[in-house]
């Protein structure tokens, strides 16, 4: 079922909301494709402008620099993931089932279920896996944090940590575990694809079943010292 949504992101991430104009949506669409194609290091606004048959100045009217654009893309992804978790768990009462679903969403982004035609979530996920740490492993992270750049990531973490606490109110590290699970999902996919000796799981043709199993075993093993069998 297609779901029509529009992400509401921190206004400090852009100079003009790209979701509101045809050119802005085109900037988002092709920045995702171009970063995936050539990598963030080689990505420039000049190359993006050439790809969309526009001017470099027009891109700068939306984003101050390419780092801010990358943060915007990651925030869009985190908000979308949070929406998917909340949508899939809204009628559930069993917190263990909620966490299973959340971990499935974290691991598996292959099912496009939104009607936002200017964002290819599958391609964006590849950028998250490859480039996400470049948004907050920087010298500017403290200053950017003051401006709320990472509120969407924190909100996603909070959604997961709340479920962890529902399962076991006495668990001491719900925030640490939630953020670890988010990072683990990306890192293990990256290792499986590029540094296979760094992991025990395999990812082939987009199948992240082993990643999901790892997240479940790790999470439930810590929370309640048990493994959850998948159907």
Protein backbone atom coordinates (compact mmCIF):
# COMPACT_ATOMS: atom_id res chain seq x y z
CA UNK A 1 0.00 0.00 0.00
CA UNK A 2 1.40 3.38 -0.98
CA UNK A 3 1.62 5.98 1.75
CA UNK A 4 1.81 9.66 0.90
CA UNK A 5 3.90 11.58 3.41
CA UNK A 6 6.08 14.66 3.57
CA UNK A 7 8.96 14.81 5.98
CA UNK A 8 9.14 17.77 8.34
CA UNK A 9 12.80 18.48 8.97
CA UNK A 10 14.78 21.09 10.89
CA UNK A 11 14.54 24.39 9.01
CA UNK A 12 18.19 25.10 9.83
CA UNK A 13 19.18 22.31 7.44
CA UNK A 14 18.19 24.26 4.35
CA UNK A 15 17.92 27.79 3.04
CA UNK A 16 14.75 26.95 1.13
CA UNK A 17 12.66 23.81 1.68
CA UNK A 18 13.50 21.58 -1.29
CA UNK A 19 10.31 19.57 -0.86
CA UNK A 20 8.24 22.63 -1.78
CA UNK A 21 9.51 23.21 -5.34
CA UNK A 22 10.07 21.18 -8.49
CA UNK A 23 13.74 22.20 -8.62
CA UNK A 24 14.23 21.42 -4.93
CA UNK A 25 12.78 17.94 -5.32
CA UNK A 26 15.02 17.43 -8.35
CA UNK A 27 18.04 18.47 -6.27
CA UNK A 28 17.15 15.85 -3.66
CA UNK A 29 16.46 13.15 -6.23
CA UNK A 30 19.67 13.57 -8.19
CA UNK A 31 21.92 14.31 -5.24
CA UNK A 32 20.98 10.86 -3.90
CA UNK A 33 21.72 9.22 -7.24
CA UNK A 34 24.98 11.12 -7.78
CA UNK A 35 26.38 10.54 -4.27
CA UNK A 36 25.61 6.85 -4.66
CA UNK A 37 27.31 6.83 -8.05
CA UNK A 38 30.55 8.70 -7.31
CA UNK A 39 30.76 8.91 -3.51
CA UNK A 40 30.45 11.90 -1.21
CA UNK A 41 34.11 12.93 -1.51
CA UNK A 42 33.84 13.47 -5.26
CA UNK A 43 30.34 14.91 -5.13
CA UNK A 44 30.11 18.67 -5.78
CA UNK A 45 27.30 21.13 -6.38
CA UNK A 46 28.85 21.85 -9.78
CA UNK A 47 28.51 18.21 -10.81
CA UNK A 48 24.98 18.09 -9.41
CA UNK A 49 24.00 21.23 -11.35
CA UNK A 50 25.31 19.68 -14.55
CA UNK A 51 23.35 16.49 -13.88
CA UNK A 52 20.06 18.37 -13.40
CA UNK A 53 20.75 20.87 -16.20
CA UNK A 54 20.74 23.84 -13.83
CA UNK A 55 23.27 26.19 -12.27
CA UNK A 56 25.53 25.77 -9.26
CA UNK A 57 24.07 29.00 -7.83
CA UNK A 58 20.57 27.49 -7.92
CA UNK A 59 21.71 24.59 -5.73
CA UNK A 60 23.27 27.01 -3.24
CA UNK A 61 19.90 28.72 -2.91
CA UNK A 62 18.68 25.55 -1.18
CA UNK A 63 21.74 24.31 0.73
CA UNK A 64 24.69 26.14 2.22
CA UNK A 65 27.18 23.38 1.35
CA UNK A 66 27.35 19.69 0.49
CA UNK A 67 27.87 18.64 4.12
CA UNK A 68 24.56 20.22 5.10
CA UNK A 69 22.93 18.52 2.13
CA UNK A 70 24.25 15.14 3.32
CA UNK A 71 22.91 15.80 6.83
CA UNK A 72 19.55 16.69 5.27
CA UNK A 73 19.46 13.42 3.33
CA UNK A 74 20.32 11.40 6.42
CA UNK A 75 17.70 13.24 8.48
CA UNK A 76 15.14 12.50 5.78
CA UNK A 77 16.06 8.80 5.98
CA UNK A 78 15.95 8.68 9.80
CA UNK A 79 12.55 10.38 9.85
CA UNK A 80 11.24 7.97 7.22
CA UNK A 81 12.51 4.99 9.21
CA UNK A 82 10.88 6.31 12.40
CA UNK A 83 7.61 6.75 10.51
CA UNK A 84 7.77 3.17 9.21
CA UNK A 85 8.39 1.74 12.69
CA UNK A 86 5.53 3.72 14.24
CA UNK A 87 3.18 2.89 11.37
CA UNK A 88 3.90 -0.85 11.56
CA UNK A 89 3.61 -1.05 15.36
CA UNK A 90 0.74 1.36 16.07
CA UNK A 91 -1.81 -1.37 16.85
CA UNK A 92 0.51 -3.74 18.70
CA UNK A 93 0.66 -4.17 22.45
CA UNK A 94 3.40 -6.80 22.74
CA UNK A 95 6.69 -4.84 23.12
CA UNK A 96 8.76 -7.84 22.01
CA UNK A 97 6.87 -7.95 18.73
CA UNK A 98 7.30 -4.19 18.42
CA UNK A 99 11.06 -4.55 18.77
CA UNK A 100 11.18 -7.37 16.24
CA UNK A 101 9.39 -5.18 13.73
CA UNK A 102 11.63 -2.21 14.51
CA UNK A 103 14.72 -4.33 13.93
CA UNK A 104 13.27 -5.62 10.68
CA UNK A 105 12.73 -2.04 9.52
CA UNK A 106 16.27 -1.07 10.54
CA UNK A 107 17.74 -3.96 8.59
CA UNK A 108 15.47 -4.16 5.57
CA UNK A 109 14.83 -1.15 3.35
CA UNK A 110 14.16 -3.05 0.14
CA UNK A 111 10.40 -2.55 0.18
CA UNK A 112 9.47 0.89 -1.09
CA UNK A 113 6.13 1.73 0.51
CA UNK A 114 5.86 5.47 0.03
CA UNK A 115 4.69 7.47 -2.95
CA UNK A 116 7.51 10.00 -2.72
CA UNK A 117 8.78 9.70 -6.25
CA UNK A 118 11.78 11.98 -5.81
CA UNK A 119 13.42 9.78 -3.17
CA UNK A 120 14.64 6.28 -3.98
CA UNK A 121 14.83 4.84 -0.46
CA UNK A 122 16.88 1.84 -1.58
CA UNK A 123 19.61 4.07 -3.02
CA UNK A 124 19.40 6.40 -0.03
CA UNK A 125 19.95 3.41 2.25
CA UNK A 126 23.20 2.65 0.42
CA UNK A 127 24.30 6.21 1.16
CA UNK A 128 23.36 5.79 4.82
CA UNK A 129 25.47 2.63 5.02
CA UNK A 130 28.47 4.16 3.25
CA UNK A 131 28.39 7.80 4.31
CA UNK A 132 26.34 8.28 7.51
CA UNK A 133 29.25 8.66 9.93
CA UNK A 134 30.49 11.63 7.88
CA UNK A 135 27.50 13.60 9.11
CA UNK A 136 28.41 13.47 12.82
CA UNK A 137 32.02 12.27 13.07
CA UNK A 138 33.20 15.80 12.33
CA UNK A 139 34.75 18.76 14.12
CA UNK A 140 31.47 20.65 13.76
CA UNK A 141 29.30 18.06 15.48
CA UNK A 142 28.93 19.89 18.80
CA UNK A 143 27.93 23.15 17.13
CA UNK A 144 25.57 21.40 14.73
CA UNK A 145 24.06 19.47 17.61
CA UNK A 146 23.21 22.77 19.31
CA UNK A 147 21.21 23.70 16.22
CA UNK A 148 19.28 20.45 16.36
CA UNK A 149 20.76 18.87 13.25
CA UNK A 150 20.48 15.37 14.72
CA UNK A 151 17.10 15.57 16.41
CA UNK A 152 15.61 13.12 13.90
CA UNK A 153 18.31 10.55 14.69
CA UNK A 154 17.72 11.04 18.41
CA UNK A 155 13.97 10.67 17.92
CA UNK A 156 14.49 7.41 16.02
CA UNK A 157 16.75 6.18 18.81
CA UNK A 158 14.12 7.18 21.38
CA UNK A 159 11.44 5.22 19.55
CA UNK A 160 13.55 2.09 19.85
CA UNK A 161 14.83 2.68 23.39
CA UNK A 162 11.24 3.20 24.62
CA UNK A 163 10.29 -0.27 23.35
CA UNK A 164 13.39 -1.76 24.98
CA UNK A 165 12.32 -0.28 28.32
CA UNK A 166 8.80 -1.66 27.83
CA UNK A 167 10.27 -5.16 27.47
CA UNK A 168 12.53 -4.81 30.50
CA UNK A 169 12.05 -1.71 32.68
CA UNK A 170 15.12 -2.71 34.70
CA UNK A 171 17.46 -2.83 31.71
CA UNK A 172 20.17 -0.26 32.41
CA UNK A 173 21.19 0.75 28.90
CA UNK A 174 18.14 1.30 26.65
CA UNK A 175 19.62 4.38 24.92
CA UNK A 176 23.03 2.81 24.44
CA UNK A 177 21.51 -0.37 23.06
CA UNK A 178 19.17 1.48 20.71
CA UNK A 179 21.96 3.58 19.21
CA UNK A 180 24.22 0.52 19.02
CA UNK A 181 21.58 -1.40 17.08
CA UNK A 182 21.20 1.46 14.61
CA UNK A 183 24.94 1.68 14.05
CA UNK A 184 25.35 -2.10 14.00
CA UNK A 185 22.84 -2.51 11.18
CA UNK A 186 24.78 -0.12 8.95
CA UNK A 187 28.22 -1.35 9.92
CA UNK A 188 27.45 -5.02 9.43
CA UNK A 189 25.99 -4.42 5.98
CA UNK A 190 29.04 -2.35 5.07
CA UNK A 191 31.44 -4.99 6.37
CA UNK A 192 29.58 -7.79 4.59
CA UNK A 193 29.78 -5.92 1.29
CA UNK A 194 33.29 -4.48 1.54
CA UNK A 195 35.27 -5.97 4.46
CA UNK A 196 33.82 -9.46 4.84
CA UNK A 197 36.44 -10.69 7.32
CA UNK A 198 35.10 -8.11 9.79
CA UNK A 199 31.75 -9.87 10.17
CA UNK A 200 30.10 -13.29 10.31
CA UNK A 201 27.07 -12.41 8.22
CA UNK A 202 26.53 -12.26 4.48
CA UNK A 203 24.48 -9.87 2.38
CA UNK A 204 23.76 -11.05 -1.16
CA UNK A 205 21.44 -9.48 -3.71
CA UNK A 206 20.00 -7.19 -1.07
CA UNK A 207 19.03 -10.03 1.27
CA UNK A 208 19.65 -8.77 4.82
CA UNK A 209 18.04 -11.70 6.63
CA UNK A 210 21.28 -12.48 8.47
CA UNK A 211 21.61 -8.86 9.59
CA UNK A 212 18.10 -8.95 11.02
CA UNK A 213 18.85 -12.20 12.85
CA UNK A 214 22.05 -10.72 14.30
CA UNK A 215 20.18 -7.66 15.57
CA UNK A 216 17.49 -9.83 17.17
CA UNK A 217 19.94 -12.18 18.86
CA UNK A 218 22.06 -9.30 20.12
CA UNK A 219 19.14 -7.20 21.38
CA UNK A 220 17.07 -9.89 23.06
CA UNK A 221 20.16 -11.61 24.41
CA UNK A 222 21.00 -8.44 26.33
CA UNK A 223 17.50 -7.34 27.26
CA UNK A 224 16.10 -10.61 28.54
CA UNK A 225 18.76 -13.21 27.87
CA UNK A 226 16.64 -15.03 25.34
CA UNK A 227 16.45 -15.56 21.59
CA UNK A 228 13.30 -14.85 19.63
CA UNK A 229 12.43 -17.42 16.97
CA UNK A 230 11.22 -15.96 13.68
CA UNK A 231 8.24 -17.52 11.94
